[in-house]
Amino acid sequence: LVIVPVMQASFRVVDEFPPTQRGAGGYGSTGKG
């Protein structure tokens, strides 16, 4: 018998994502390298 915690995810539908600093760098921009 194994007892483990179970996480319950909740999702929210949005029309668009808010802008982020990482997203401002363009596709694939991580600021590394």
N, C-alpha and C. Protein backbone atom coordinates (compact mmCIF):
# COMPACT_ATOMS: atom_id res chain seq x y z
N LEU A 1 0.85 -1.19 0.00
CA LEU A 1 0.00 0.00 0.00
C LEU A 1 0.89 1.24 0.00
N VAL A 2 0.64 2.14 -0.97
CA VAL A 2 1.41 3.37 -1.07
C VAL A 2 0.45 4.55 -0.94
N ILE A 3 0.78 5.45 -0.04
CA ILE A 3 -0.05 6.64 0.15
C ILE A 3 0.74 7.85 -0.33
N VAL A 4 0.19 8.54 -1.33
CA VAL A 4 0.85 9.72 -1.89
C VAL A 4 -0.15 10.87 -1.97
N PRO A 5 0.34 12.10 -1.89
CA PRO A 5 -0.58 13.23 -2.04
C PRO A 5 -1.06 13.36 -3.48
N VAL A 6 -2.28 13.79 -3.66
CA VAL A 6 -2.85 13.99 -4.99
C VAL A 6 -3.12 15.48 -5.16
N MET A 7 -2.56 16.05 -6.23
CA MET A 7 -2.77 17.48 -6.49
C MET A 7 -3.95 17.64 -7.43
N GLN A 8 -4.78 18.62 -7.16
CA GLN A 8 -5.94 18.91 -7.99
C GLN A 8 -5.66 20.19 -8.77
N ALA A 9 -5.54 20.08 -10.08
CA ALA A 9 -5.27 21.25 -10.92
C ALA A 9 -6.57 21.94 -11.29
N SER A 10 -6.50 23.26 -11.41
CA SER A 10 -7.66 24.01 -11.90
C SER A 10 -7.19 24.84 -13.09
N PHE A 11 -7.97 24.85 -14.14
CA PHE A 11 -7.62 25.56 -15.36
C PHE A 11 -8.57 26.72 -15.59
N ARG A 12 -8.05 27.75 -16.22
CA ARG A 12 -8.86 28.93 -16.51
C ARG A 12 -8.66 29.28 -17.98
N VAL A 13 -9.74 29.44 -18.72
CA VAL A 13 -9.67 29.79 -20.13
C VAL A 13 -9.50 31.30 -20.24
N VAL A 14 -8.49 31.72 -21.01
CA VAL A 14 -8.24 33.15 -21.22
C VAL A 14 -8.15 33.43 -22.72
N ASP A 15 -8.46 34.66 -23.11
CA ASP A 15 -8.38 35.04 -24.52
C ASP A 15 -6.95 35.30 -24.96
N GLU A 16 -6.12 35.80 -24.04
CA GLU A 16 -4.72 36.04 -24.37
C GLU A 16 -3.90 36.03 -23.10
N PHE A 17 -2.60 35.81 -23.27
CA PHE A 17 -1.69 35.80 -22.13
C PHE A 17 -1.12 37.19 -21.92
N PRO A 18 -0.90 37.58 -20.68
CA PRO A 18 -0.29 38.89 -20.43
C PRO A 18 1.16 38.90 -20.91
N PRO A 19 1.66 40.04 -21.38
CA PRO A 19 3.06 40.10 -21.84
C PRO A 19 4.03 39.87 -20.68
N THR A 20 5.18 39.27 -21.00
CA THR A 20 6.21 39.03 -19.99
C THR A 20 7.54 39.57 -20.50
N GLN A 21 8.49 39.75 -19.59
CA GLN A 21 9.82 40.24 -19.97
C GLN A 21 10.49 39.24 -20.91
N ARG A 22 10.36 37.96 -20.64
CA ARG A 22 10.97 36.94 -21.49
C ARG A 22 10.34 36.95 -22.87
N GLY A 23 9.01 37.11 -22.92
CA GLY A 23 8.31 37.11 -24.21
C GLY A 23 8.70 38.30 -25.07
N ALA A 24 9.13 39.39 -24.46
CA ALA A 24 9.51 40.59 -25.22
C ALA A 24 10.76 40.34 -26.05
N GLY A 25 11.55 39.31 -25.71
CA GLY A 25 12.79 39.01 -26.43
C GLY A 25 12.57 38.27 -27.72
N GLY A 26 11.35 37.85 -28.02
CA GLY A 26 11.07 37.14 -29.27
C GLY A 26 11.05 35.64 -29.07
N TYR A 27 10.78 34.92 -30.15
CA TYR A 27 10.66 33.47 -30.11
C TYR A 27 11.94 32.82 -29.61
N GLY A 28 11.83 31.95 -28.62
CA GLY A 28 12.98 31.20 -28.12
C GLY A 28 13.93 32.02 -27.25
N SER A 29 13.52 33.20 -26.88
CA SER A 29 14.41 34.08 -26.10
C SER A 29 14.40 33.69 -24.63
N THR A 30 15.56 33.28 -24.13
CA THR A 30 15.68 32.94 -22.72
C THR A 30 16.64 33.87 -22.00
N GLY A 31 17.41 34.65 -22.76
CA GLY A 31 18.40 35.53 -22.16
C GLY A 31 19.66 34.80 -21.76
N LYS A 32 19.77 33.51 -22.12
CA LYS A 32 20.96 32.71 -21.80
C LYS A 32 21.85 32.62 -23.03
N GLY A 33 23.15 32.60 -22.80
CA GLY A 33 24.08 32.35 -23.89
C GLY A 33 24.41 33.54 -24.63
